[in-house]
N, C-alpha and C. Protein backbone atom coordinates (compact mmCIF):
# COMPACT_ATOMS: atom_id res chain seq x y z
N UNK A 1 6.61 -5.96 1.18
CA UNK A 1 7.11 -5.46 2.43
C UNK A 1 8.63 -5.30 2.33
N UNK A 2 9.13 -4.18 2.79
CA UNK A 2 10.56 -3.91 2.75
C UNK A 2 11.25 -4.52 3.96
N UNK A 3 12.46 -5.05 3.71
CA UNK A 3 13.28 -5.63 4.76
C UNK A 3 14.71 -5.14 4.61
N UNK A 4 15.42 -5.09 5.74
CA UNK A 4 16.82 -4.71 5.70
C UNK A 4 17.62 -5.81 5.00
N UNK A 5 18.47 -5.40 4.07
CA UNK A 5 19.36 -6.32 3.35
C UNK A 5 20.79 -5.78 3.49
N UNK A 6 21.75 -6.50 2.93
CA UNK A 6 23.14 -6.02 2.97
C UNK A 6 23.21 -4.63 2.33
N UNK A 7 23.86 -3.72 3.02
CA UNK A 7 23.91 -2.33 2.56
C UNK A 7 24.76 -2.19 1.30
N UNK A 8 24.20 -1.49 0.31
CA UNK A 8 24.94 -1.22 -0.92
C UNK A 8 26.11 -0.29 -0.62
N UNK A 9 27.20 -0.46 -1.36
CA UNK A 9 28.38 0.39 -1.15
C UNK A 9 28.17 1.79 -1.70
N UNK A 10 27.53 1.90 -2.83
CA UNK A 10 27.28 3.20 -3.47
C UNK A 10 25.93 3.16 -4.16
N UNK A 11 25.37 4.32 -4.36
CA UNK A 11 24.15 4.48 -5.15
C UNK A 11 24.25 5.82 -5.87
N UNK A 12 23.45 5.98 -6.91
CA UNK A 12 23.52 7.19 -7.73
C UNK A 12 22.17 7.86 -7.83
N UNK A 13 22.17 9.18 -7.66
CA UNK A 13 20.93 9.95 -7.76
C UNK A 13 20.59 10.21 -9.23
N UNK A 14 19.39 10.75 -9.44
CA UNK A 14 18.95 11.07 -10.80
C UNK A 14 19.87 12.06 -11.49
N UNK A 15 20.53 12.96 -10.72
CA UNK A 15 21.41 13.94 -11.35
C UNK A 15 22.85 13.43 -11.51
N UNK A 16 23.07 12.15 -11.18
CA UNK A 16 24.38 11.54 -11.39
C UNK A 16 25.33 11.60 -10.20
N UNK A 17 24.89 12.15 -9.08
CA UNK A 17 25.74 12.21 -7.89
C UNK A 17 25.72 10.88 -7.16
N UNK A 18 26.89 10.42 -6.75
CA UNK A 18 26.99 9.20 -5.97
C UNK A 18 26.82 9.53 -4.49
N UNK A 19 26.24 8.60 -3.73
CA UNK A 19 26.16 8.75 -2.29
C UNK A 19 26.39 7.39 -1.66
N UNK A 20 26.74 7.41 -0.37
CA UNK A 20 27.05 6.20 0.37
C UNK A 20 25.93 5.91 1.37
N UNK A 21 25.15 4.86 1.14
CA UNK A 21 24.08 4.53 2.08
C UNK A 21 24.63 4.00 3.41
N UNK A 22 23.85 4.18 4.48
CA UNK A 22 24.19 3.56 5.76
C UNK A 22 23.28 2.36 6.02
N UNK A 23 22.20 2.23 5.22
CA UNK A 23 21.29 1.09 5.36
C UNK A 23 20.49 0.94 4.07
N UNK A 24 20.30 -0.30 3.65
CA UNK A 24 19.55 -0.59 2.42
C UNK A 24 18.36 -1.48 2.78
N UNK A 25 17.21 -1.18 2.17
CA UNK A 25 16.02 -2.02 2.31
C UNK A 25 15.57 -2.45 0.92
N UNK A 26 15.02 -3.66 0.84
CA UNK A 26 14.52 -4.17 -0.44
C UNK A 26 13.18 -4.84 -0.21
N UNK A 27 12.34 -4.82 -1.25
CA UNK A 27 11.04 -5.49 -1.16
C UNK A 27 11.05 -6.72 -2.05
N UNK A 28 10.10 -7.59 -1.82
CA UNK A 28 9.99 -8.81 -2.63
C UNK A 28 9.56 -8.51 -4.06
N UNK A 29 9.13 -7.27 -4.31
CA UNK A 29 8.69 -6.88 -5.66
C UNK A 29 9.75 -6.09 -6.42
N UNK A 30 10.98 -6.07 -5.89
CA UNK A 30 12.08 -5.40 -6.58
C UNK A 30 12.32 -3.97 -6.15
N UNK A 31 11.53 -3.45 -5.24
CA UNK A 31 11.76 -2.10 -4.75
C UNK A 31 13.02 -2.04 -3.91
N UNK A 32 13.67 -0.89 -3.93
CA UNK A 32 14.90 -0.73 -3.17
C UNK A 32 14.97 0.71 -2.69
N UNK A 33 15.32 0.88 -1.41
CA UNK A 33 15.49 2.21 -0.84
C UNK A 33 16.78 2.24 -0.04
N UNK A 34 17.32 3.44 0.10
CA UNK A 34 18.57 3.64 0.83
C UNK A 34 18.34 4.69 1.90
N UNK A 35 18.87 4.44 3.08
CA UNK A 35 18.95 5.47 4.10
C UNK A 35 20.39 5.95 4.09
N UNK A 36 20.57 7.26 3.97
CA UNK A 36 21.90 7.86 3.91
C UNK A 36 21.94 9.04 4.87
N UNK A 37 23.11 9.65 4.97
CA UNK A 37 23.28 10.82 5.83
C UNK A 37 23.61 12.02 4.94
N UNK A 38 22.88 13.11 5.15
CA UNK A 38 23.11 14.35 4.43
C UNK A 38 22.97 15.50 5.42
N UNK A 39 23.99 16.33 5.52
CA UNK A 39 23.99 17.45 6.46
C UNK A 39 23.64 17.01 7.88
N UNK A 40 24.23 15.89 8.29
CA UNK A 40 24.04 15.34 9.65
C UNK A 40 22.60 14.91 9.94
N UNK A 41 21.84 14.58 8.89
CA UNK A 41 20.47 14.09 9.06
C UNK A 41 20.29 12.83 8.21
N UNK A 42 19.44 11.93 8.70
CA UNK A 42 19.09 10.77 7.89
C UNK A 42 18.14 11.21 6.78
N UNK A 43 18.37 10.69 5.58
CA UNK A 43 17.49 10.96 4.44
C UNK A 43 17.15 9.63 3.77
N UNK A 44 16.02 9.60 3.11
CA UNK A 44 15.54 8.39 2.45
C UNK A 44 15.55 8.59 0.94
N UNK A 45 16.23 7.69 0.25
CA UNK A 45 16.27 7.69 -1.21
C UNK A 45 15.50 6.48 -1.72
N UNK A 46 14.67 6.68 -2.72
CA UNK A 46 13.89 5.60 -3.33
C UNK A 46 14.40 5.38 -4.76
N UNK A 47 14.62 4.10 -5.12
CA UNK A 47 15.08 3.80 -6.48
C UNK A 47 13.92 3.91 -7.46
N UNK A 48 14.18 4.60 -8.55
CA UNK A 48 13.18 4.75 -9.61
C UNK A 48 13.39 3.67 -10.67
N UNK A 49 12.49 3.59 -11.60
CA UNK A 49 12.54 2.54 -12.63
C UNK A 49 13.80 2.62 -13.50
N UNK A 50 14.43 3.79 -13.57
CA UNK A 50 15.67 3.92 -14.36
C UNK A 50 16.91 3.48 -13.58
N UNK A 51 16.72 3.05 -12.31
CA UNK A 51 17.82 2.57 -11.50
C UNK A 51 18.48 3.63 -10.64
N UNK A 52 18.12 4.88 -10.85
CA UNK A 52 18.67 5.98 -10.06
C UNK A 52 17.75 6.28 -8.88
N UNK A 53 18.31 6.98 -7.89
CA UNK A 53 17.58 7.26 -6.65
C UNK A 53 17.17 8.72 -6.57
N UNK A 54 16.02 8.93 -5.96
CA UNK A 54 15.54 10.28 -5.68
C UNK A 54 15.14 10.38 -4.22
N UNK A 55 15.29 11.57 -3.66
CA UNK A 55 14.92 11.79 -2.26
C UNK A 55 13.42 11.62 -2.09
N UNK A 56 13.05 11.03 -0.98
CA UNK A 56 11.64 10.86 -0.65
C UNK A 56 11.30 11.73 0.55
N UNK A 57 10.18 12.40 0.49
CA UNK A 57 9.73 13.18 1.64
C UNK A 57 8.83 12.35 2.54
N UNK A 58 8.51 11.14 2.10
CA UNK A 58 7.63 10.25 2.86
C UNK A 58 8.41 9.04 3.37
N UNK A 59 8.36 8.84 4.68
CA UNK A 59 9.02 7.69 5.32
C UNK A 59 7.94 6.66 5.65
N UNK A 60 7.91 5.55 4.94
CA UNK A 60 6.94 4.49 5.22
C UNK A 60 7.38 3.71 6.45
N UNK A 61 6.48 2.93 7.03
CA UNK A 61 6.74 2.35 8.35
C UNK A 61 7.96 1.44 8.40
N UNK A 62 8.24 0.67 7.33
CA UNK A 62 9.42 -0.20 7.36
C UNK A 62 10.71 0.63 7.39
N UNK A 63 10.71 1.77 6.71
CA UNK A 63 11.89 2.64 6.71
C UNK A 63 12.09 3.27 8.08
N UNK A 64 11.00 3.67 8.73
CA UNK A 64 11.11 4.25 10.07
C UNK A 64 11.62 3.20 11.05
N UNK A 65 11.09 1.98 10.96
CA UNK A 65 11.56 0.90 11.84
C UNK A 65 13.03 0.60 11.61
N UNK A 66 13.46 0.59 10.34
CA UNK A 66 14.87 0.33 10.03
C UNK A 66 15.76 1.45 10.56
N UNK A 67 15.30 2.69 10.42
CA UNK A 67 16.08 3.82 10.90
C UNK A 67 16.30 3.73 12.42
N UNK A 68 15.33 3.19 13.13
CA UNK A 68 15.44 3.06 14.58
C UNK A 68 16.55 2.09 15.00
N UNK A 69 17.04 1.26 14.07
CA UNK A 69 18.15 0.36 14.38
C UNK A 69 19.49 1.07 14.28
N UNK A 70 19.50 2.28 13.74
CA UNK A 70 20.72 3.06 13.55
C UNK A 70 20.99 3.92 14.79
N UNK A 71 22.23 4.35 14.97
CA UNK A 71 22.54 5.24 16.09
C UNK A 71 21.74 6.55 16.00
N UNK A 72 21.47 7.17 17.15
CA UNK A 72 20.75 8.44 17.16
C UNK A 72 21.52 9.53 16.42
N UNK A 73 22.84 9.44 16.44
CA UNK A 73 23.68 10.42 15.76
C UNK A 73 23.99 9.90 14.35
N UNK A 74 23.45 10.53 13.31
CA UNK A 74 23.70 10.06 11.94
C UNK A 74 25.17 9.99 11.56
N UNK A 75 25.98 10.92 12.06
CA UNK A 75 27.42 10.88 11.73
C UNK A 75 28.06 9.61 12.29
N UNK A 76 27.59 9.16 13.45
CA UNK A 76 28.10 7.92 14.04
C UNK A 76 27.77 6.73 13.14
N UNK A 77 26.56 6.72 12.60
CA UNK A 77 26.17 5.64 11.68
C UNK A 77 27.05 5.65 10.44
N UNK A 78 27.33 6.83 9.92
CA UNK A 78 28.18 6.96 8.75
C UNK A 78 29.59 6.48 9.05
N UNK A 79 30.13 6.88 10.20
CA UNK A 79 31.48 6.44 10.59
C UNK A 79 31.54 4.92 10.77
N UNK A 80 30.51 4.34 11.38
CA UNK A 80 30.48 2.89 11.58
C UNK A 80 30.46 2.16 10.24
N UNK A 81 29.67 2.66 9.30
CA UNK A 81 29.58 2.01 7.99
C UNK A 81 30.91 2.09 7.26
N UNK A 82 31.56 3.25 7.30
CA UNK A 82 32.86 3.39 6.64
C UNK A 82 33.91 2.49 7.28
N UNK A 83 33.91 2.39 8.61
CA UNK A 83 34.86 1.52 9.30
C UNK A 83 34.62 0.06 8.94
N UNK A 84 33.37 -0.34 8.85
CA UNK A 84 33.02 -1.72 8.48
C UNK A 84 33.52 -2.03 7.07
N UNK A 85 33.38 -1.09 6.16
CA UNK A 85 33.85 -1.31 4.79
C UNK A 85 35.36 -1.39 4.72
N UNK A 86 36.04 -0.55 5.51
CA UNK A 86 37.51 -0.62 5.53
C UNK A 86 37.98 -1.98 6.05
N UNK A 87 37.34 -2.49 7.12
CA UNK A 87 37.71 -3.79 7.67
C UNK A 87 37.47 -4.89 6.64
N UNK A 88 36.36 -4.81 5.91
CA UNK A 88 36.04 -5.83 4.92
C UNK A 88 37.08 -5.84 3.79
N UNK A 89 37.58 -4.67 3.43
CA UNK A 89 38.58 -4.60 2.36
C UNK A 89 39.94 -5.10 2.82
N UNK A 90 40.19 -5.06 4.12
CA UNK A 90 41.48 -5.51 4.65
C UNK A 90 41.53 -7.01 4.91
N UNK A 91 40.39 -7.68 4.93
CA UNK A 91 40.36 -9.12 5.19
C UNK A 91 41.02 -9.88 4.05
N UNK A 92 41.86 -10.84 4.40
CA UNK A 92 42.47 -11.66 3.33
C UNK A 92 41.42 -12.56 2.68
N UNK A 93 41.55 -12.76 1.40
CA UNK A 93 40.66 -13.63 0.65
C UNK A 93 41.16 -15.05 0.79
N UNK A 94 40.27 -15.97 1.16
CA UNK A 94 40.66 -17.38 1.37
C UNK A 94 40.74 -18.11 0.07
């Protein structure tokens, strides 16, 4: 079963393009998927055995449930994730 985990900062597609996820899910069996924003729409990437991600045309129920936790506007989700990362980088290290 897939569950929401800490969102990865970057992921790479099979063709070598990097993308920035807005939400990451992982399964107890090592599966990993990313929800990202492309052309103002949420898209689902599934990690393949080689470690790279490919677009999925099928949204399984855990991914749909996770997507429902995101803002209705995908650009808003992307902006929130980028702002969160900027704040994390500005925090002083103890």
